[in-house]
Amino acid sequence: METKKTDKELLTKGLQKMGISLALMFLGPTLIYVAFSNQEKTLYIPLLLLGILGCCGAIYFAFKGLNTILDSMFKSNKN
């Protein structure tokens, strides 16, 4: 009986996506805070939109990263 092994390349890709997600988890709320603290400035709307996109990107990359990591561990590579 053959044991399942982790696909290291796929695991690396998943960890990279989780790293991007971690960076966006800090960047998005920071941009939103900066935008709300400077509402009278002209860059209020662009900073707010970038912050919201950063938060959405963090959620997306977290799900994709977790899915990739789980695929590397549990998906069989029988083609």
PDB file of N, CA and C in Angstrom:
ATOM      1  N   MET A   1       0.842  -1.184   0.000  1.00  0.00           N
ATOM      2  CA  MET A   1       0.000   0.000   0.000  1.00  0.00           C
ATOM      3  C   MET A   1       0.886   1.246   0.000  1.00  0.00           C
ATOM      4  N   GLU A   2       0.611   2.132  -0.926  1.00  0.00           N
ATOM      5  CA  GLU A   2       1.416   3.331  -1.080  1.00  0.00           C
ATOM      6  C   GLU A   2       0.880   4.436  -0.176  1.00  0.00           C
ATOM      7  N   THR A   3       1.775   5.115   0.523  1.00  0.00           N
ATOM      8  CA  THR A   3       1.351   6.221   1.384  1.00  0.00           C
ATOM      9  C   THR A   3       1.321   7.513   0.581  1.00  0.00           C
ATOM     10  N   LYS A   4       0.417   8.388   0.972  1.00  0.00           N
ATOM     11  CA  LYS A   4       0.315   9.680   0.290  1.00  0.00           C
ATOM     12  C   LYS A   4       1.399  10.606   0.812  1.00  0.00           C
ATOM     13  N   LYS A   5       2.000  11.353  -0.089  1.00  0.00           N
ATOM     14  CA  LYS A   5       3.033  12.307   0.277  1.00  0.00           C
ATOM     15  C   LYS A   5       2.601  13.703  -0.126  1.00  0.00           C
ATOM     16  N   THR A   6       3.117  14.669   0.586  1.00  0.00           N
ATOM     17  CA  THR A   6       2.797  16.061   0.308  1.00  0.00           C
ATOM     18  C   THR A   6       3.538  16.531  -0.931  1.00  0.00           C
ATOM     19  N   ASP A   7       2.828  17.192  -1.821  1.00  0.00           N
ATOM     20  CA  ASP A   7       3.431  17.803  -3.009  1.00  0.00           C
ATOM     21  C   ASP A   7       4.090  19.112  -2.572  1.00  0.00           C
ATOM     22  N   LYS A   8       5.404  19.126  -2.507  1.00  0.00           N
ATOM     23  CA  LYS A   8       6.146  20.262  -1.947  1.00  0.00           C
ATOM     24  C   LYS A   8       6.013  21.523  -2.800  1.00  0.00           C
ATOM     25  N   GLU A   9       5.967  21.372  -4.116  1.00  0.00           N
ATOM     26  CA  GLU A   9       5.830  22.547  -4.987  1.00  0.00           C
ATOM     27  C   GLU A   9       4.478  23.214  -4.789  1.00  0.00           C
ATOM     28  N   LEU A  10       3.428  22.404  -4.695  1.00  0.00           N
ATOM     29  CA  LEU A  10       2.094  22.943  -4.479  1.00  0.00           C
ATOM     30  C   LEU A  10       1.973  23.567  -3.091  1.00  0.00           C
ATOM     31  N   LEU A  11       2.629  22.965  -2.118  1.00  0.00           N
ATOM     32  CA  LEU A  11       2.635  23.517  -0.763  1.00  0.00           C
ATOM     33  C   LEU A  11       3.320  24.878  -0.741  1.00  0.00           C
ATOM     34  N   THR A  12       4.407  25.018  -1.485  1.00  0.00           N
ATOM     35  CA  THR A  12       5.123  26.296  -1.560  1.00  0.00           C
ATOM     36  C   THR A  12       4.243  27.374  -2.182  1.00  0.00           C
ATOM     37  N   LYS A  13       3.515  27.016  -3.233  1.00  0.00           N
ATOM     38  CA  LYS A  13       2.608  27.980  -3.854  1.00  0.00           C
ATOM     39  C   LYS A  13       1.508  28.413  -2.882  1.00  0.00           C
ATOM     40  N   GLY A  14       0.997  27.471  -2.117  1.00  0.00           N
ATOM     41  CA  GLY A  14      -0.023  27.797  -1.131  1.00  0.00           C
ATOM     42  C   GLY A  14       0.505  28.706  -0.038  1.00  0.00           C
ATOM     43  N   LEU A  15       1.726  28.465   0.406  1.00  0.00           N
ATOM     44  CA  LEU A  15       2.320  29.318   1.434  1.00  0.00           C
ATOM     45  C   LEU A  15       2.611  30.716   0.904  1.00  0.00           C
ATOM     46  N   GLN A  16       2.954  30.823  -0.381  1.00  0.00           N
ATOM     47  CA  GLN A  16       3.152  32.139  -0.979  1.00  0.00           C
ATOM     48  C   GLN A  16       1.836  32.913  -1.013  1.00  0.00           C
ATOM     49  N   LYS A  17       0.756  32.230  -1.351  1.00  0.00           N
ATOM     50  CA  LYS A  17      -0.557  32.892  -1.362  1.00  0.00           C
ATOM     51  C   LYS A  17      -0.962  33.320   0.040  1.00  0.00           C
ATOM     52  N   MET A  18      -0.622  32.506   1.047  1.00  0.00           N
ATOM     53  CA  MET A  18      -0.932  32.885   2.419  1.00  0.00           C
ATOM     54  C   MET A  18      -0.085  34.080   2.859  1.00  0.00           C
ATOM     55  N   GLY A  19       1.146  34.173   2.358  1.00  0.00           N
ATOM     56  CA  GLY A  19       1.987  35.331   2.655  1.00  0.00           C
ATOM     57  C   GLY A  19       1.418  36.609   2.057  1.00  0.00           C
ATOM     58  N   ILE A  20       0.923  36.520   0.837  1.00  0.00           N
ATOM     59  CA  ILE A  20       0.271  37.677   0.209  1.00  0.00           C
ATOM     60  C   ILE A  20      -0.960  38.072   1.011  1.00  0.00           C
ATOM     61  N   SER A  21      -1.714  37.076   1.449  1.00  0.00           N
ATOM     62  CA  SER A  21      -2.905  37.340   2.246  1.00  0.00           C
ATOM     63  C   SER A  21      -2.542  38.041   3.559  1.00  0.00           C
ATOM     64  N   LEU A  22      -1.468  37.609   4.198  1.00  0.00           N
ATOM     65  CA  LEU A  22      -1.044  38.222   5.449  1.00  0.00           C
ATOM     66  C   LEU A  22      -0.663  39.690   5.245  1.00  0.00           C
ATOM     67  N   ALA A  23       0.053  39.965   4.158  1.00  0.00           N
ATOM     68  CA  ALA A  23       0.419  41.357   3.867  1.00  0.00           C
ATOM     69  C   ALA A  23      -0.820  42.211   3.622  1.00  0.00           C
ATOM     70  N   LEU A  24      -1.784  41.673   2.878  1.00  0.00           N
ATOM     71  CA  LEU A  24      -3.005  42.430   2.584  1.00  0.00           C
ATOM     72  C   LEU A  24      -3.891  42.578   3.818  1.00  0.00           C
ATOM     73  N   MET A  25      -3.797  41.636   4.773  1.00  0.00           N
ATOM     74  CA  MET A  25      -4.568  41.754   6.012  1.00  0.00           C
ATOM     75  C   MET A  25      -4.131  42.965   6.831  1.00  0.00           C
ATOM     76  N   PHE A  26      -2.880  43.357   6.705  1.00  0.00           N
ATOM     77  CA  PHE A  26      -2.414  44.552   7.401  1.00  0.00           C
ATOM     78  C   PHE A  26      -2.583  45.808   6.546  1.00  0.00           C
ATOM     79  N   LEU A  27      -2.357  45.678   5.254  1.00  0.00           N
ATOM     80  CA  LEU A  27      -2.397  46.839   4.370  1.00  0.00           C
ATOM     81  C   LEU A  27      -3.817  47.393   4.192  1.00  0.00           C
ATOM     82  N   GLY A  28      -4.798  46.511   3.997  1.00  0.00           N
ATOM     83  CA  GLY A  28      -6.172  46.952   3.749  1.00  0.00           C
ATOM     84  C   GLY A  28      -6.757  47.783   4.882  1.00  0.00           C
ATOM     85  N   PRO A  29      -6.790  47.263   6.108  1.00  0.00           N
ATOM     86  CA  PRO A  29      -7.335  48.069   7.212  1.00  0.00           C
ATOM     87  C   PRO A  29      -6.524  49.338   7.500  1.00  0.00           C
ATOM     88  N   THR A  30      -5.217  49.292   7.264  1.00  0.00           N
ATOM     89  CA  THR A  30      -4.401  50.491   7.465  1.00  0.00           C
ATOM     90  C   THR A  30      -4.811  51.576   6.481  1.00  0.00           C
ATOM     91  N   LEU A  31      -5.015  51.206   5.229  1.00  0.00           N
ATOM     92  CA  LEU A  31      -5.446  52.196   4.234  1.00  0.00           C
ATOM     93  C   LEU A  31      -6.842  52.730   4.542  1.00  0.00           C
ATOM     94  N   ILE A  32      -7.727  51.876   5.029  1.00  0.00           N
ATOM     95  CA  ILE A  32      -9.064  52.335   5.401  1.00  0.00           C
ATOM     96  C   ILE A  32      -8.989  53.324   6.563  1.00  0.00           C
ATOM     97  N   TYR A  33      -8.138  53.022   7.549  1.00  0.00           N
ATOM     98  CA  TYR A  33      -7.972  53.929   8.697  1.00  0.00           C
ATOM     99  C   TYR A  33      -7.423  55.281   8.249  1.00  0.00           C
ATOM    100  N   VAL A  34      -6.424  55.258   7.379  1.00  0.00           N
ATOM    101  CA  VAL A  34      -5.835  56.501   6.885  1.00  0.00           C
ATOM    102  C   VAL A  34      -6.869  57.294   6.097  1.00  0.00           C
ATOM    103  N   ALA A  35      -7.676  56.614   5.309  1.00  0.00           N
ATOM    104  CA  ALA A  35      -8.696  57.307   4.516  1.00  0.00           C
ATOM    105  C   ALA A  35      -9.737  57.962   5.427  1.00  0.00           C
ATOM    106  N   PHE A  36     -10.186  57.261   6.462  1.00  0.00           N
ATOM    107  CA  PHE A  36     -11.203  57.828   7.341  1.00  0.00           C
ATOM    108  C   PHE A  36     -10.649  58.921   8.253  1.00  0.00           C
ATOM    109  N   SER A  37      -9.358  58.897   8.517  1.00  0.00           N
ATOM    110  CA  SER A  37      -8.791  59.958   9.353  1.00  0.00           C
ATOM    111  C   SER A  37      -8.512  61.225   8.549  1.00  0.00           C
ATOM    112  N   ASN A  38      -8.539  61.158   7.229  1.00  0.00           N
ATOM    113  CA  ASN A  38      -8.310  62.326   6.368  1.00  0.00           C
ATOM    114  C   ASN A  38      -9.459  62.499   5.380  1.00  0.00           C
ATOM    115  N   GLN A  39     -10.659  62.643   5.876  1.00  0.00           N
ATOM    116  CA  GLN A  39     -11.827  62.722   4.989  1.00  0.00           C
ATOM    117  C   GLN A  39     -11.876  64.009   4.186  1.00  0.00           C
ATOM    118  N   GLU A  40     -11.235  65.060   4.655  1.00  0.00           N
ATOM    119  CA  GLU A  40     -11.295  66.331   3.937  1.00  0.00           C
ATOM    120  C   GLU A  40     -10.280  66.410   2.798  1.00  0.00           C
ATOM    121  N   LYS A  41      -9.352  65.477   2.716  1.00  0.00           N
ATOM    122  CA  LYS A  41      -8.327  65.484   1.671  1.00  0.00           C
ATOM    123  C   LYS A  41      -8.886  64.938   0.357  1.00  0.00           C
ATOM    124  N   THR A  42      -8.156  65.203  -0.719  1.00  0.00           N
ATOM    125  CA  THR A  42      -8.632  64.786  -2.043  1.00  0.00           C
ATOM    126  C   THR A  42      -8.416  63.291  -2.291  1.00  0.00           C
ATOM    127  N   LEU A  43      -7.502  62.654  -1.563  1.00  0.00           N
ATOM    128  CA  LEU A  43      -7.233  61.227  -1.769  1.00  0.00           C
ATOM    129  C   LEU A  43      -8.118  60.325  -0.908  1.00  0.00           C
ATOM    130  N   TYR A  44      -9.168  60.867  -0.323  1.00  0.00           N
ATOM    131  CA  TYR A  44     -10.044  60.084   0.539  1.00  0.00           C
ATOM    132  C   TYR A  44     -10.672  58.901  -0.206  1.00  0.00           C
ATOM    133  N   ILE A  45     -11.301  59.162  -1.338  1.00  0.00           N
ATOM    134  CA  ILE A  45     -11.994  58.105  -2.084  1.00  0.00           C
ATOM    135  C   ILE A  45     -11.016  57.064  -2.641  1.00  0.00           C
ATOM    136  N   PRO A  46      -9.915  57.470  -3.301  1.00  0.00           N
ATOM    137  CA  PRO A  46      -8.994  56.436  -3.805  1.00  0.00           C
ATOM    138  C   PRO A  46      -8.384  55.572  -2.698  1.00  0.00           C
ATOM    139  N   LEU A  47      -8.025  56.174  -1.556  1.00  0.00           N
ATOM    140  CA  LEU A  47      -7.477  55.387  -0.455  1.00  0.00           C
ATOM    141  C   LEU A  47      -8.515  54.435   0.117  1.00  0.00           C
ATOM    142  N   LEU A  48      -9.742  54.889   0.214  1.00  0.00           N
ATOM    143  CA  LEU A  48     -10.812  54.030   0.724  1.00  0.00           C
ATOM    144  C   LEU A  48     -11.057  52.853  -0.212  1.00  0.00           C
ATOM    145  N   LEU A  49     -11.071  53.111  -1.504  1.00  0.00           N
ATOM    146  CA  LEU A  49     -11.259  52.032  -2.472  1.00  0.00           C
ATOM    147  C   LEU A  49     -10.097  51.044  -2.450  1.00  0.00           C
ATOM    148  N   LEU A  50      -8.865  51.552  -2.342  1.00  0.00           N
ATOM    149  CA  LEU A  50      -7.709  50.658  -2.253  1.00  0.00           C
ATOM    150  C   LEU A  50      -7.748  49.819  -0.981  1.00  0.00           C
ATOM    151  N   GLY A  51      -8.200  50.411   0.112  1.00  0.00           N
ATOM    152  CA  GLY A  51      -8.310  49.664   1.366  1.00  0.00           C
ATOM    153  C   GLY A  51      -9.357  48.564   1.282  1.00  0.00           C
ATOM    154  N   ILE A  52     -10.480  48.872   0.682  1.00  0.00           N
ATOM    155  CA  ILE A  52     -11.538  47.867   0.533  1.00  0.00           C
ATOM    156  C   ILE A  52     -11.083  46.748  -0.402  1.00  0.00           C
ATOM    157  N   LEU A  53     -10.421  47.117  -1.499  1.00  0.00           N
ATOM    158  CA  LEU A  53      -9.884  46.098  -2.413  1.00  0.00           C
ATOM    159  C   LEU A  53      -8.815  45.250  -1.730  1.00  0.00           C
ATOM    160  N   GLY A  54      -8.006  45.871  -0.884  1.00  0.00           N
ATOM    161  CA  GLY A  54      -6.992  45.124  -0.142  1.00  0.00           C
ATOM    162  C   GLY A  54      -7.615  44.112   0.809  1.00  0.00           C
ATOM    163  N   CYS A  55      -8.687  44.501   1.487  1.00  0.00           N
ATOM    164  CA  CYS A  55      -9.378  43.572   2.396  1.00  0.00           C
ATOM    165  C   CYS A  55     -10.014  42.424   1.618  1.00  0.00           C
ATOM    166  N   CYS A  56     -10.637  42.741   0.491  1.00  0.00           N
ATOM    167  CA  CYS A  56     -11.224  41.685  -0.339  1.00  0.00           C
ATOM    168  C   CYS A  56     -10.140  40.763  -0.900  1.00  0.00           C
ATOM    169  N   GLY A  57      -9.013  41.334  -1.284  1.00  0.00           N
ATOM    170  CA  GLY A  57      -7.906  40.534  -1.773  1.00  0.00           C
ATOM    171  C   GLY A  57      -7.341  39.621  -0.695  1.00  0.00           C
ATOM    172  N   ALA A  58      -7.309  40.099   0.547  1.00  0.00           N
ATOM    173  CA  ALA A  58      -6.814  39.265   1.650  1.00  0.00           C
ATOM    174  C   ALA A  58      -7.711  38.051   1.858  1.00  0.00           C
ATOM    175  N   ILE A  59      -9.008  38.260   1.774  1.00  0.00           N
ATOM    176  CA  ILE A  59      -9.946  37.144   1.931  1.00  0.00           C
ATOM    177  C   ILE A  59      -9.787  36.157   0.778  1.00  0.00           C
ATOM    178  N   TYR A  60      -9.667  36.684  -0.441  1.00  0.00           N
ATOM    179  CA  TYR A  60      -9.516  35.820  -1.615  1.00  0.00           C
ATOM    180  C   TYR A  60      -8.246  34.981  -1.528  1.00  0.00           C
ATOM    181  N   PHE A  61      -7.117  35.636  -1.240  1.00  0.00           N
ATOM    182  CA  PHE A  61      -5.853  34.906  -1.180  1.00  0.00           C
ATOM    183  C   PHE A  61      -5.805  33.936  -0.007  1.00  0.00           C
ATOM    184  N   ALA A  62      -6.501  34.246   1.088  1.00  0.00           N
ATOM    185  CA  ALA A  62      -6.531  33.309   2.208  1.00  0.00           C
ATOM    186  C   ALA A  62      -7.264  32.029   1.802  1.00  0.00           C
ATOM    187  N   PHE A  63      -8.408  32.156   1.154  1.00  0.00           N
ATOM    188  CA  PHE A  63      -9.141  30.970   0.713  1.00  0.00           C
ATOM    189  C   PHE A  63      -8.370  30.179  -0.339  1.00  0.00           C
ATOM    190  N   LYS A  64      -7.789  30.887  -1.321  1.00  0.00           N
ATOM    191  CA  LYS A  64      -7.017  30.189  -2.351  1.00  0.00           C
ATOM    192  C   LYS A  64      -5.783  29.517  -1.751  1.00  0.00           C
ATOM    193  N   GLY A  65      -5.129  30.172  -0.821  1.00  0.00           N
ATOM    194  CA  GLY A  65      -3.946  29.598  -0.195  1.00  0.00           C
ATOM    195  C   GLY A  65      -4.275  28.363   0.627  1.00  0.00           C
ATOM    196  N   LEU A  66      -5.330  28.440   1.422  1.00  0.00           N
ATOM    197  CA  LEU A  66      -5.733  27.270   2.210  1.00  0.00           C
ATOM    198  C   LEU A  66      -6.147  26.121   1.304  1.00  0.00           C
ATOM    199  N   ASN A  67      -6.868  26.423   0.240  1.00  0.00           N
ATOM    200  CA  ASN A  67      -7.290  25.385  -0.694  1.00  0.00           C
ATOM    201  C   ASN A  67      -6.082  24.729  -1.350  1.00  0.00           C
ATOM    202  N   THR A  68      -5.089  25.518  -1.729  1.00  0.00           N
ATOM    203  CA  THR A  68      -3.888  24.976  -2.359  1.00  0.00           C
ATOM    204  C   THR A  68      -3.095  24.119  -1.382  1.00  0.00           C
ATOM    205  N   ILE A  69      -2.975  24.564  -0.129  1.00  0.00           N
ATOM    206  CA  ILE A  69      -2.259  23.790   0.879  1.00  0.00           C
ATOM    207  C   ILE A  69      -2.961  22.461   1.139  1.00  0.00           C
ATOM    208  N   LEU A  70      -4.270  22.491   1.250  1.00  0.00           N
ATOM    209  CA  LEU A  70      -5.011  21.247   1.483  1.00  0.00           C
ATOM    210  C   LEU A  70      -4.916  20.316   0.277  1.00  0.00           C
ATOM    211  N   ASP A  71      -4.931  20.879  -0.930  1.00  0.00           N
ATOM    212  CA  ASP A  71      -4.759  20.049  -2.126  1.00  0.00           C
ATOM    213  C   ASP A  71      -3.384  19.391  -2.151  1.00  0.00           C
ATOM    214  N   SER A  72      -2.376  20.108  -1.693  1.00  0.00           N
ATOM    215  CA  SER A  72      -1.020  19.540  -1.706  1.00  0.00           C
ATOM    216  C   SER A  72      -0.909  18.370  -0.727  1.00  0.00           C
ATOM    217  N   MET A  73      -1.697  18.389   0.327  1.00  0.00           N
ATOM    218  CA  MET A  73      -1.597  17.328   1.326  1.00  0.00           C
ATOM    219  C   MET A  73      -2.508  16.144   1.051  1.00  0.00           C
ATOM    220  N   PHE A  74      -3.708  16.403   0.577  1.00  0.00           N
ATOM    221  CA  PHE A  74      -4.706  15.343   0.526  1.00  0.00           C
ATOM    222  C   PHE A  74      -5.118  14.887  -0.861  1.00  0.00           C
ATOM    223  N   LYS A  75      -4.815  15.642  -1.898  1.00  0.00           N
ATOM    224  CA  LYS A  75      -5.222  15.259  -3.241  1.00  0.00           C
ATOM    225  C   LYS A  75      -4.220  14.268  -3.812  1.00  0.00           C
ATOM    226  N   SER A  76      -4.745  13.215  -4.407  1.00  0.00           N
ATOM    227  CA  SER A  76      -3.841  12.230  -5.011  1.00  0.00           C
ATOM    228  C   SER A  76      -3.436  12.700  -6.403  1.00  0.00           C
ATOM    229  N   ASN A  77      -2.233  12.369  -6.799  1.00  0.00           N
ATOM    230  CA  ASN A  77      -1.702  12.790  -8.102  1.00  0.00           C
ATOM    231  C   ASN A  77      -1.731  11.657  -9.101  1.00  0.00           C
ATOM    232  N   LYS A  78      -2.763  10.858  -9.116  1.00  0.00           N
ATOM    233  CA  LYS A  78      -2.881   9.741 -10.058  1.00  0.00           C
ATOM    234  C   LYS A  78      -3.534  10.234 -11.326  1.00  0.00           C
ATOM    235  N   ASN A  79      -2.777  10.302 -12.390  1.00  0.00           N
ATOM    236  CA  ASN A  79      -3.300  10.752 -13.685  1.00  0.00           C
ATOM    237  C   ASN A  79      -3.297   9.614 -14.665  1.00  0.00           C
TER     238      ASN A  79
END
